[in-house]
Protein backbone atom coordinates (compact mmCIF):
# COMPACT_ATOMS: atom_id res chain seq x y z
CA MET A 1 -34.99 -37.08 -184.97
CA THR A 2 -35.78 -33.56 -186.22
CA PRO A 3 -39.52 -33.03 -186.84
CA THR A 4 -40.62 -32.17 -190.37
CA LYS A 5 -40.81 -28.44 -190.96
CA THR A 6 -43.95 -26.86 -192.35
CA ILE A 7 -43.76 -24.67 -195.46
CA VAL A 8 -44.28 -21.61 -193.25
CA GLN A 9 -41.30 -22.58 -191.08
CA ILE A 10 -39.16 -23.33 -194.13
CA SER A 11 -40.00 -19.97 -195.69
CA SER A 12 -38.98 -18.23 -192.47
CA ILE A 13 -35.67 -20.13 -192.30
CA LEU A 14 -34.75 -19.29 -195.89
CA GLU A 15 -35.81 -15.67 -195.51
CA LYS A 16 -33.52 -15.30 -192.50
CA LEU A 17 -30.65 -16.97 -194.36
CA PHE A 18 -31.08 -14.56 -197.30
CA GLU A 19 -31.08 -11.50 -195.05
CA GLU A 20 -28.00 -12.71 -193.17
CA HIS A 21 -26.03 -13.30 -196.36
CA PHE A 22 -27.06 -10.32 -198.49
CA GLU A 23 -27.84 -7.95 -195.59
CA LYS A 24 -31.02 -6.98 -197.43
CA LYS A 25 -34.70 -7.46 -196.66
CA VAL A 26 -36.62 -10.06 -198.62
CA GLU A 27 -39.08 -8.40 -200.99
CA GLU A 28 -40.41 -11.43 -202.86
CA MET A 29 -40.38 -15.18 -202.32
CA GLU A 30 -41.65 -17.47 -205.07
CA ALA A 31 -42.10 -21.22 -204.58
CA LEU A 32 -40.66 -23.18 -207.50
CA ALA A 33 -42.21 -26.31 -208.93
CA VAL A 34 -40.65 -29.63 -207.95
CA SER A 35 -41.22 -33.15 -209.25
CA GLY A 36 -40.22 -36.31 -207.39
CA SER A 37 -37.69 -34.74 -205.05
CA ASP A 38 -38.29 -33.93 -201.38
CA ARG A 39 -36.24 -30.76 -201.78
CA ARG A 40 -38.08 -27.44 -201.76
CA TYR A 41 -36.94 -24.50 -203.84
CA TYR A 42 -37.80 -20.80 -203.65
CA ARG A 43 -36.64 -17.87 -205.74
CA ILE A 44 -35.89 -15.14 -203.19
CA SER A 45 -35.17 -11.54 -204.10
CA GLY A 46 -34.61 -8.25 -202.33
CA GLY A 47 -32.55 -5.09 -202.74
CA GLY A 48 -31.42 -6.09 -206.22
CA SER A 49 -30.09 -9.48 -205.08
CA VAL A 50 -31.60 -12.84 -205.97
CA ALA A 51 -30.89 -16.44 -204.95
CA ILE A 52 -32.49 -19.86 -204.92
CA GLY A 53 -33.33 -20.88 -201.37
CA THR A 54 -33.30 -24.65 -200.88
CA TYR A 55 -34.55 -26.75 -197.98
CA ASN A 56 -33.95 -30.47 -197.70
CA ALA A 57 -34.26 -32.42 -194.44
CA ASN A 58 -31.91 -35.11 -195.81
CA VAL A 59 -28.58 -33.81 -194.48
CA ALA A 60 -26.60 -36.65 -196.05
CA GLU A 61 -27.92 -35.71 -199.48
CA ASN A 62 -27.14 -32.03 -198.83
CA ASN A 63 -23.58 -32.87 -197.80
CA THR A 64 -23.12 -34.82 -201.01
CA PHE A 65 -24.38 -31.80 -202.98
CA PHE A 66 -22.02 -29.41 -201.18
CA TYR A 67 -19.06 -31.75 -201.72
CA ILE A 68 -19.62 -32.36 -205.43
CA THR A 69 -20.42 -28.68 -206.07
CA GLU A 70 -17.07 -27.68 -204.59
CA LEU A 71 -15.29 -30.38 -206.58
CA PHE A 72 -16.94 -29.37 -209.87
CA ARG A 73 -16.24 -25.68 -209.36
CA LYS A 74 -12.59 -26.47 -208.59
CA HIS A 75 -12.28 -28.14 -212.00
CA LYS A 76 -14.27 -25.41 -213.80
CA VAL A 77 -17.40 -27.48 -214.41
CA ASN A 78 -20.26 -24.98 -214.55
CA VAL A 79 -22.54 -25.48 -211.55
CA PRO A 80 -24.35 -23.00 -209.26
CA GLU A 81 -22.38 -21.32 -206.51
CA VAL A 82 -23.52 -22.14 -202.97
CA TYR A 83 -23.68 -18.81 -201.13
CA LYS A 84 -24.56 -19.81 -197.59
CA ILE A 85 -25.48 -22.91 -195.58
CA ASN A 86 -27.33 -22.77 -192.27
CA LYS A 87 -25.98 -24.46 -189.15
CA ASP A 88 -28.05 -27.65 -189.34
CA ARG A 89 -27.16 -27.99 -193.06
CA ARG A 90 -30.80 -28.41 -194.04
CA ALA A 91 -31.18 -25.02 -195.73
CA TYR A 92 -28.91 -23.20 -198.12
CA LEU A 93 -28.77 -20.43 -200.71
CA GLN A 94 -27.47 -21.04 -204.20
CA GLN A 95 -26.99 -19.07 -207.38
CA ASP A 96 -30.09 -18.38 -209.48
CA LEU A 97 -29.47 -19.73 -212.99
CA GLY A 98 -32.73 -18.44 -214.43
CA LYS A 99 -35.68 -20.41 -215.75
CA THR A 100 -34.46 -21.83 -219.08
CA SER A 101 -33.25 -25.41 -219.40
CA LEU A 102 -31.75 -27.04 -222.48
CA PHE A 103 -34.94 -29.07 -222.74
CA ASP A 104 -37.02 -25.87 -222.81
CA LEU A 105 -34.98 -24.54 -225.73
CA VAL A 106 -35.35 -27.73 -227.78
CA ILE A 107 -39.10 -27.86 -227.20
CA LYS A 108 -39.45 -24.14 -228.02
CA ASP A 109 -37.03 -23.72 -230.94
CA GLY A 110 -36.51 -27.25 -232.23
CA PHE A 111 -33.32 -28.80 -233.55
CA THR A 112 -31.52 -25.62 -234.48
CA ASP A 113 -27.78 -25.28 -235.00
CA LYS A 114 -27.63 -23.07 -231.91
CA ASN A 115 -29.21 -25.78 -229.77
CA ARG A 116 -26.90 -28.43 -231.26
CA LYS A 117 -23.90 -26.33 -230.17
CA LEU A 118 -25.37 -26.09 -226.66
CA TYR A 119 -25.66 -29.89 -226.57
CA HIS A 120 -22.01 -30.14 -227.63
CA ALA A 121 -21.08 -27.74 -224.83
CA ALA A 122 -23.01 -29.91 -222.36
CA MET A 123 -21.19 -33.03 -223.56
CA ALA A 124 -17.83 -31.28 -223.20
CA GLN A 125 -18.70 -30.23 -219.64
CA LEU A 126 -19.82 -33.78 -218.91
CA ALA A 127 -16.51 -35.20 -220.09
CA LYS A 128 -14.66 -32.78 -217.80
CA ALA A 129 -16.90 -33.71 -214.85
CA GLN A 130 -16.47 -37.45 -215.42
CA TRP A 131 -12.80 -37.75 -216.29
CA ILE A 132 -11.10 -34.71 -214.70
CA ALA A 133 -13.17 -34.01 -211.57
CA GLY A 134 -13.85 -37.75 -211.39
CA ARG A 135 -10.14 -38.54 -210.89
CA GLU A 136 -10.28 -36.73 -207.55
CA ALA A 137 -13.78 -37.76 -206.47
CA ASP A 138 -14.20 -39.46 -203.11
CA PHE A 139 -17.06 -41.86 -203.69
CA LYS A 140 -17.47 -42.32 -199.94
CA GLN A 141 -19.20 -38.93 -200.15
CA CYS A 142 -22.12 -40.47 -202.10
CA PHE A 143 -25.23 -40.33 -199.91
CA ALA A 144 -26.94 -43.36 -201.47
CA SER A 145 -25.28 -45.90 -203.78
CA LYS A 146 -21.54 -45.49 -204.20
CA GLN A 147 -21.27 -47.47 -207.43
CA PHE A 148 -23.44 -48.38 -210.41
CA ASP A 149 -22.48 -52.03 -210.12
CA GLU A 150 -24.19 -55.33 -210.91
CA LYS A 151 -26.70 -54.93 -208.06
CA ALA A 152 -27.62 -51.37 -209.08
CA ILE A 153 -28.10 -52.41 -212.71
CA MET A 154 -30.29 -55.35 -211.68
CA SER A 155 -32.30 -52.97 -209.51
CA ASP A 156 -32.99 -50.76 -212.55
CA LEU A 157 -34.02 -53.77 -214.64
CA LEU A 158 -36.40 -54.99 -211.94
CA TYR A 159 -37.78 -51.46 -211.58
CA PHE A 160 -38.73 -51.69 -215.26
CA LYS A 161 -40.17 -55.19 -214.87
CA TYR A 162 -42.39 -54.56 -211.85
CA TYR A 163 -43.53 -50.99 -212.52
CA PHE A 164 -43.98 -51.11 -216.27
CA ALA A 165 -43.73 -54.50 -217.97
CA ASP A 166 -45.95 -56.30 -215.47
CA LEU A 167 -48.68 -53.65 -215.91
CA GLN A 168 -49.03 -54.19 -219.68
CA ASN A 169 -50.79 -57.60 -219.80
CA ILE A 170 -48.06 -59.01 -222.04
CA GLN A 171 -47.34 -62.71 -221.67
CA TYR A 172 -43.73 -63.74 -221.06
CA ASP A 173 -41.71 -66.34 -219.17
CA ARG A 174 -41.05 -64.56 -215.86
CA SER A 175 -38.46 -67.02 -214.62
CA LEU A 176 -36.49 -66.92 -217.87
CA LEU A 177 -36.65 -63.13 -218.00
CA ILE A 178 -35.21 -62.81 -214.49
CA SER A 179 -32.38 -65.19 -215.42
CA GLU A 180 -31.58 -63.13 -218.51
CA MET A 181 -31.66 -59.88 -216.55
CA GLU A 182 -29.21 -61.36 -214.04
CA LEU A 183 -26.83 -62.30 -216.86
CA LEU A 184 -27.14 -58.85 -218.45
CA SER A 185 -26.51 -57.04 -215.16
CA LYS A 186 -23.49 -59.26 -214.45
CA ASP A 187 -22.01 -58.50 -217.89
CA LEU A 188 -22.55 -54.75 -217.60
CA GLY A 189 -21.34 -54.62 -214.01
CA ARG A 190 -17.87 -55.50 -215.31
CA VAL A 191 -17.74 -52.79 -217.98
CA GLN A 192 -14.71 -50.53 -217.84
CA PRO A 193 -13.73 -47.74 -217.51
CA GLN A 194 -15.47 -46.54 -214.35
CA THR A 195 -15.60 -42.77 -213.80
CA LEU A 196 -17.75 -40.25 -211.96
CA MET A 197 -21.33 -40.90 -213.11
CA TYR A 198 -23.91 -38.11 -212.95
CA ARG A 199 -26.77 -40.66 -212.88
CA ASP A 200 -29.58 -38.35 -214.13
CA PHE A 201 -27.88 -36.45 -216.93
CA GLN A 202 -30.81 -35.17 -219.00
CA SER A 203 -31.67 -31.84 -220.56
CA ARG A 204 -34.06 -30.77 -217.78
CA ASN A 205 -31.03 -30.77 -215.45
CA ILE A 206 -28.98 -28.57 -217.77
CA MET A 207 -29.64 -24.85 -217.46
CA VAL A 208 -28.71 -22.28 -220.09
CA TYR A 209 -27.70 -19.06 -218.33
CA GLU A 210 -26.11 -16.07 -220.05
CA GLY A 211 -25.32 -18.28 -223.03
CA LYS A 212 -23.48 -20.92 -220.98
CA ILE A 213 -24.31 -24.45 -219.88
CA TYR A 214 -24.76 -25.14 -216.13
CA PHE A 215 -25.52 -28.45 -214.41
CA ILE A 216 -28.03 -28.91 -211.56
CA ASP A 217 -29.37 -31.89 -209.55
CA TYR A 218 -26.17 -33.94 -209.60
CA GLN A 219 -26.23 -35.09 -205.96
CA GLY A 220 -27.02 -38.63 -207.09
CA PHE A 221 -23.48 -39.00 -208.44
CA MET A 222 -21.63 -42.29 -208.01
CA GLN A 223 -18.87 -44.31 -209.58
CA GLY A 224 -19.96 -45.92 -212.81
CA PRO A 225 -19.66 -46.24 -216.59
CA PRO A 226 -19.49 -42.86 -218.40
CA GLN A 227 -21.60 -44.25 -221.24
CA TYR A 228 -24.70 -44.28 -219.02
CA ASP A 229 -24.73 -40.47 -218.74
CA ILE A 230 -24.26 -40.07 -222.49
CA ALA A 231 -27.18 -42.43 -223.10
CA SER A 232 -29.34 -40.51 -220.61
CA LEU A 233 -28.94 -37.24 -222.50
CA LEU A 234 -28.98 -38.45 -226.11
CA TRP A 235 -31.92 -40.82 -225.66
CA GLN A 236 -34.13 -38.65 -223.44
CA ALA A 237 -37.67 -39.64 -224.41
CA ARG A 238 -39.36 -36.23 -224.55
CA ALA A 239 -36.46 -34.56 -226.39
CA GLN A 240 -36.44 -37.12 -229.26
CA LEU A 241 -33.07 -36.06 -230.67
CA PRO A 242 -32.51 -36.95 -234.35
CA ALA A 243 -30.22 -39.91 -235.06
CA ALA A 244 -27.72 -37.62 -236.80
CA TRP A 245 -27.49 -35.48 -233.65
CA LYS A 246 -26.88 -38.52 -231.46
CA GLU A 247 -23.99 -39.71 -233.62
CA ASP A 248 -22.54 -36.20 -233.95
CA LEU A 249 -22.71 -35.59 -230.19
CA LEU A 250 -21.17 -38.98 -229.34
CA ASN A 251 -18.32 -38.25 -231.76
CA GLY A 252 -17.90 -34.82 -230.19
CA TYR A 253 -17.67 -36.36 -226.72
CA ILE A 254 -14.92 -38.75 -227.82
CA SER A 255 -13.03 -35.86 -229.45
CA THR A 256 -13.26 -33.95 -226.16
CA LEU A 257 -11.58 -36.85 -224.36
CA ASN A 258 -8.58 -36.42 -226.66
CA GLU A 259 -8.49 -32.69 -225.93
CA LEU A 260 -8.56 -33.42 -222.18
CA HIS A 261 -5.65 -35.87 -222.62
CA VAL A 262 -7.66 -38.73 -221.17
CA PRO A 263 -5.57 -41.93 -221.28
CA ARG A 264 -6.02 -43.89 -224.50
CA MET A 265 -9.07 -46.15 -224.51
CA ASP A 266 -10.51 -48.74 -226.86
CA GLU A 267 -13.09 -46.71 -228.78
CA ILE A 268 -14.80 -49.77 -230.26
CA TYR A 269 -15.24 -51.27 -226.79
CA PHE A 270 -16.47 -47.90 -225.48
CA ARG A 271 -19.11 -47.61 -228.21
CA ARG A 272 -20.26 -51.19 -227.63
CA GLY A 273 -20.74 -50.40 -223.94
CA TYR A 274 -22.62 -47.23 -224.85
CA VAL A 275 -25.20 -49.26 -226.80
CA GLN A 276 -25.73 -51.58 -223.84
CA PHE A 277 -26.24 -48.71 -221.43
CA VAL A 278 -28.67 -47.00 -223.79
CA LEU A 279 -30.85 -50.08 -223.35
CA VAL A 280 -30.53 -50.03 -219.55
CA ARG A 281 -31.42 -46.33 -219.42
CA LEU A 282 -34.45 -46.79 -221.70
CA LEU A 283 -35.78 -49.51 -219.42
CA GLN A 284 -35.06 -47.56 -216.23
CA VAL A 285 -36.98 -44.58 -217.63
CA LEU A 286 -39.96 -46.75 -218.54
CA GLY A 287 -39.96 -48.08 -214.98
CA ALA A 288 -40.01 -44.53 -213.63
CA TYR A 289 -42.83 -43.53 -215.99
CA GLY A 290 -44.81 -46.60 -214.96
CA PHE A 291 -44.40 -45.89 -211.27
CA ARG A 292 -45.04 -42.14 -211.43
CA GLY A 293 -47.62 -42.30 -214.20
CA LEU A 294 -49.54 -45.58 -214.16
CA LEU A 295 -49.45 -46.10 -210.40
CA GLN A 296 -49.36 -42.53 -209.07
CA HIS A 297 -51.40 -41.11 -211.99
CA LYS A 298 -49.09 -38.12 -212.57
CA ALA A 299 -50.00 -36.60 -215.91
CA HIS A 300 -46.49 -35.56 -217.00
CA PHE A 301 -45.17 -39.10 -216.68
CA ILE A 302 -48.14 -40.69 -218.44
CA ASN A 303 -47.61 -38.25 -221.29
CA SER A 304 -43.99 -39.38 -221.55
CA ILE A 305 -44.71 -43.11 -222.04
CA GLY A 306 -45.54 -42.82 -225.75
CA PRO A 307 -42.23 -41.10 -226.67
CA ALA A 308 -40.32 -43.56 -224.48
CA LEU A 309 -41.84 -46.54 -226.32
CA LYS A 310 -41.01 -44.88 -229.64
CA ASN A 311 -37.42 -44.51 -228.45
CA LEU A 312 -37.34 -48.20 -227.60
CA GLU A 313 -38.70 -49.14 -231.04
CA ILE A 314 -36.01 -47.05 -232.75
CA PHE A 315 -33.29 -48.59 -230.60
CA LEU A 316 -34.39 -52.18 -231.31
CA ALA A 317 -34.58 -51.49 -235.07
CA ASP A 318 -31.08 -50.00 -235.09
CA HIS A 319 -29.58 -52.77 -232.94
CA PRO A 320 -31.02 -56.16 -233.98
CA GLN A 321 -28.50 -58.04 -231.79
CA THR A 322 -29.14 -56.02 -228.61
CA PRO A 323 -30.31 -57.33 -226.25
CA ALA A 324 -28.87 -60.73 -227.11
CA TYR A 325 -31.29 -62.48 -224.72
CA PRO A 326 -34.32 -63.97 -226.53
CA GLU A 327 -36.99 -63.58 -223.82
CA LEU A 328 -36.03 -59.97 -223.04
CA ARG A 329 -35.81 -59.15 -226.75
CA SER A 330 -39.24 -60.67 -227.40
CA LEU A 331 -40.81 -58.75 -224.51
CA LEU A 332 -39.34 -55.43 -225.67
CA GLU A 333 -40.47 -55.98 -229.26
CA LYS A 334 -44.05 -56.65 -228.10
CA MET A 335 -43.90 -53.65 -225.77
CA SER A 336 -42.74 -51.20 -228.44
CA ALA A 337 -45.13 -52.48 -231.13
CA PRO A 338 -47.45 -49.95 -232.83
CA ASP A 339 -50.52 -51.07 -230.89
CA MET A 340 -48.73 -50.44 -227.59
CA GLN A 341 -47.60 -47.02 -228.76
CA ASP A 342 -51.18 -46.25 -229.82
CA LYS A 343 -52.34 -47.17 -226.33
CA TYR A 344 -50.27 -44.32 -224.90
CA ALA A 345 -50.50 -41.89 -227.80
CA THR A 346 -51.82 -38.52 -226.60
CA THR A 347 -53.94 -38.10 -229.77
CA ARG A 348 -56.10 -41.15 -229.31
CA GLY A 349 -58.91 -39.49 -227.36
CA SER A 350 -59.67 -36.69 -229.82
CA GLU A 351 -59.60 -39.10 -232.78
CA GLN A 352 -61.84 -41.77 -231.30
CA SER A 353 -64.29 -39.90 -229.10
CA LYS A 354 -66.62 -36.93 -229.04
CA LEU A 355 -66.48 -36.90 -225.25
CA THR A 356 -66.08 -33.51 -223.60
CA ILE A 357 -65.47 -33.14 -219.88
CA GLN A 358 -66.41 -30.30 -217.55
CA VAL A 359 -64.35 -30.13 -214.36
CA SER A 360 -65.33 -27.61 -211.71
CA SER A 361 -64.48 -26.53 -208.19
CA PHE A 362 -67.18 -25.27 -205.84
CA SER A 363 -67.97 -24.25 -202.27
CA TYR A 364 -70.30 -26.46 -200.28
CA LYS A 365 -71.74 -23.25 -198.82
CA ASN A 366 -73.40 -22.73 -202.21
CA GLY A 367 -74.48 -26.33 -202.75
CA ILE A 368 -73.45 -29.02 -205.24
CA PRO A 369 -73.49 -27.82 -208.88
CA LYS A 370 -75.98 -29.42 -211.28
CA SER A 371 -74.76 -31.56 -214.16
CA ALA A 372 -74.84 -29.92 -217.58
CA GLY A 373 -75.10 -33.25 -219.40
CA GLN A 374 -78.41 -34.68 -220.60
CA HIS A 375 -77.85 -38.00 -218.83
CA GLY A 376 -76.68 -36.32 -215.62
CA GLY A 377 -73.61 -38.54 -215.31
CA GLY A 378 -70.53 -37.60 -213.39
CA TYR A 379 -68.68 -37.40 -210.11
CA VAL A 380 -68.71 -35.11 -207.08
CA PHE A 381 -65.68 -35.38 -204.78
CA ASP A 382 -65.64 -33.92 -201.28
CA CYS A 383 -62.21 -32.42 -200.48
CA ARG A 384 -63.12 -31.34 -196.96
CA GLY A 385 -61.32 -34.34 -195.45
CA ILE A 386 -58.02 -32.79 -196.58
CA LEU A 387 -56.25 -30.30 -194.31
CA ASN A 388 -57.28 -26.79 -195.40
CA PRO A 389 -54.42 -24.40 -196.32
CA GLY A 390 -56.87 -21.52 -195.82
CA ARG A 391 -56.60 -21.99 -192.05
CA TYR A 392 -53.10 -20.52 -192.16
CA ALA A 393 -52.40 -16.82 -192.67
CA THR A 394 -49.68 -17.58 -195.24
CA TYR A 395 -52.19 -19.21 -197.60
CA LYS A 396 -55.45 -17.45 -196.73
CA HIS A 397 -55.16 -14.97 -199.60
CA LEU A 398 -53.81 -17.52 -202.09
CA THR A 399 -55.71 -20.11 -204.14
CA GLY A 400 -55.26 -23.62 -205.46
CA ASN A 401 -53.75 -22.03 -208.57
CA ASP A 402 -50.67 -20.90 -206.59
CA GLU A 403 -47.47 -22.94 -206.35
CA MET A 404 -47.21 -22.39 -202.57
CA VAL A 405 -50.64 -23.96 -202.06
CA ARG A 406 -49.82 -26.78 -204.48
CA GLN A 407 -46.71 -27.68 -202.50
CA PHE A 408 -48.57 -27.50 -199.19
CA LEU A 409 -51.28 -29.86 -200.42
CA GLU A 410 -48.86 -32.31 -202.02
CA ARG A 411 -46.35 -32.42 -199.15
CA GLU A 412 -48.29 -31.81 -195.96
CA THR A 413 -51.68 -33.38 -196.60
CA ARG A 414 -53.16 -36.59 -197.99
CA MET A 415 -54.14 -34.86 -201.22
CA PRO A 416 -51.82 -37.06 -203.38
CA ASP A 417 -53.61 -40.20 -202.12
CA PHE A 418 -56.97 -38.52 -202.64
CA MET A 419 -56.13 -37.61 -206.25
CA ASN A 420 -54.73 -41.07 -207.01
CA HIS A 421 -58.06 -42.62 -206.06
CA ALA A 422 -60.08 -39.93 -207.84
CA ASN A 423 -58.06 -40.31 -211.05
CA ALA A 424 -58.44 -44.09 -211.01
CA LEU A 425 -62.21 -43.88 -210.52
CA VAL A 426 -62.72 -41.26 -213.21
CA ALA A 427 -60.55 -43.20 -215.70
CA ILE A 428 -62.99 -46.13 -215.55
CA ASN A 429 -65.92 -44.00 -216.68
CA VAL A 430 -63.94 -41.95 -219.19
CA GLU A 431 -62.79 -45.06 -221.03
CA ASP A 432 -66.30 -46.56 -220.91
CA TYR A 433 -67.91 -43.31 -222.09
CA MET A 434 -65.43 -43.05 -224.96
CA ALA A 435 -66.15 -46.63 -226.05
CA ARG A 436 -69.95 -46.12 -225.88
CA GLY A 437 -69.97 -42.80 -227.69
CA PHE A 438 -71.13 -40.63 -224.77
CA GLU A 439 -70.52 -36.93 -225.28
CA HIS A 440 -70.35 -35.38 -221.82
CA LEU A 441 -69.04 -36.04 -218.32
CA ASP A 442 -69.14 -33.74 -215.28
CA ILE A 443 -66.57 -33.88 -212.50
CA ALA A 444 -66.81 -31.55 -209.49
CA PHE A 445 -64.59 -31.02 -206.48
CA GLY A 446 -65.97 -29.23 -203.43
CA CYS A 447 -64.47 -27.78 -200.27
CA THR A 448 -65.55 -25.25 -197.68
CA GLY A 449 -64.63 -22.05 -199.49
CA GLY A 450 -64.05 -23.32 -203.02
CA GLN A 451 -60.66 -21.55 -203.10
CA HIS A 452 -57.83 -23.90 -202.17
CA ARG A 453 -58.36 -27.68 -202.06
CA SER A 454 -61.13 -27.96 -204.66
CA VAL A 455 -59.37 -25.56 -207.07
CA TYR A 456 -56.14 -27.54 -206.87
CA ALA A 457 -58.00 -30.85 -207.34
CA ALA A 458 -59.95 -29.59 -210.36
CA ASN A 459 -56.77 -28.34 -212.02
CA GLN A 460 -54.95 -31.61 -211.40
CA MET A 461 -57.83 -33.71 -212.72
CA ALA A 462 -58.00 -31.62 -215.90
CA GLU A 463 -54.24 -31.97 -216.48
CA TYR A 464 -54.44 -35.72 -215.93
CA LEU A 465 -57.31 -36.20 -218.42
CA ARG A 466 -55.79 -33.98 -221.09
CA SER A 467 -52.46 -35.76 -220.86
CA ARG A 468 -53.82 -39.28 -220.80
CA TYR A 469 -56.67 -38.98 -223.31
CA ASN A 470 -56.18 -35.67 -225.13
CA LEU A 471 -59.87 -34.92 -224.63
CA GLU A 472 -61.52 -31.51 -224.55
CA VAL A 473 -61.55 -30.59 -220.85
CA THR A 474 -62.99 -27.33 -219.53
CA VAL A 475 -62.24 -26.08 -216.01
CA SER A 476 -64.52 -23.72 -214.06
CA HIS A 477 -63.94 -22.39 -210.55
CA LEU A 478 -67.50 -21.58 -209.51
CA ASN A 479 -66.69 -19.65 -206.35
CA GLU A 480 -63.96 -17.51 -207.95
CA LYS A 481 -65.79 -14.20 -207.47
CA LYS A 482 -65.90 -14.80 -203.71
CA TRP A 483 -62.25 -15.78 -203.26
CA VAL A 484 -60.48 -13.95 -200.44
CA LEU A 485 -57.56 -12.37 -202.33
CA PRO A 486 -54.87 -9.81 -201.31
CA ASP A 487 -56.66 -6.84 -202.87
CA ALA A 488 -59.87 -7.80 -201.14
CA ALA A 489 -58.01 -8.11 -197.86
CA LYS A 490 -56.63 -4.58 -198.23
CA THR A 491 -60.11 -3.26 -199.00
CA GLU A 492 -61.46 -4.86 -195.85
CA GLU A 493 -58.74 -3.14 -193.81
């Protein structure tokens, strides 16, 4: 078994790979943000060349990515070119497609005609990937599940049940619900046709580069119903596409199938299956948001629950006969009711509370900061039990504001566990303070130098509170003037 590489080792491997391929020295290496994946990405540049360096210890997953990339490029589906792969197949260089996703454009510019045309282009590329490249796909190359069958569908439904529904204190008949889910998964597991299924086809995984659509993060591909991918894009919770767009884009997809000379299919049957897989995708997403947000306290996912429940409400209103199972239908109606949406609405804190929160980072060398509130309430968390990035030369002149440090703390220390516990503790007092009309709460994170661990923790706490409660949160890094930064290091030399 190959030992896990440190970020320093990974950086060195990717730097060497870049210099071997481009025959140029690396001038800049920027760590890119990642979410739930174990893959690590860096934008590497030097001598006028640029590439995305990727490291992933899961060789099976990498091999799937290399296979499907080659297959897509053969059939002119726009995906990044893989420039070079190292010998152990854990590191590789791929084409840099910039920083703008289709999701970014919709959030920035709204539902413009230009963005609608980009969505149509994405749907056309999807059809080509599913039906043309899919004809040749070897599903034995899938690194995880090979097919989105009855078992996989049931797994998604249970993911929703255990990680979201069971956390909402809603009463339902658990035995009956499981029976209905089994029937639903059995019905959908028989849906035809089966094509190449992207699995996570959403606008964050669609890059817009030089005016063209490119796909990324498709290594989870498997054999499955094409409707699932369509549902994933059109019903993405944070994008909130208008109903007219959804219908227009679905019609455009079906027109593309005719242009690609896909064998004749029953359009009515296809559309009926699409509706069913919209429901499955909505529930799978809620399960993911529950796991990442409610259990792991990740702010982005908590912030997405409200839009996802709104999506579910819209779906149920538009499809009064779906799902056709009474216990599941009843549960979903209760879950998407206005009071549940209010529970996760990001505006509720500012409307119901005058509470303001001061979050700070500090160095224990200077002592614990005093509370600014009249009642002196608050928390002080000691981060010194977490491995210190400042011990390593690579991070010494960085801070907790830097992506490299963030990745180190999240991947190579117990900081995620630490923050999960801190978030859960703070949430108890925040909700109590809001209910009782308190106006101030102090939260402080300390470490040895007040530069890495405590800065990261303060930033994460502030993001979590803003996302979950939409409260006024101020962040102060009290030891900032004494941080050991690159310019200071040069002065010392």
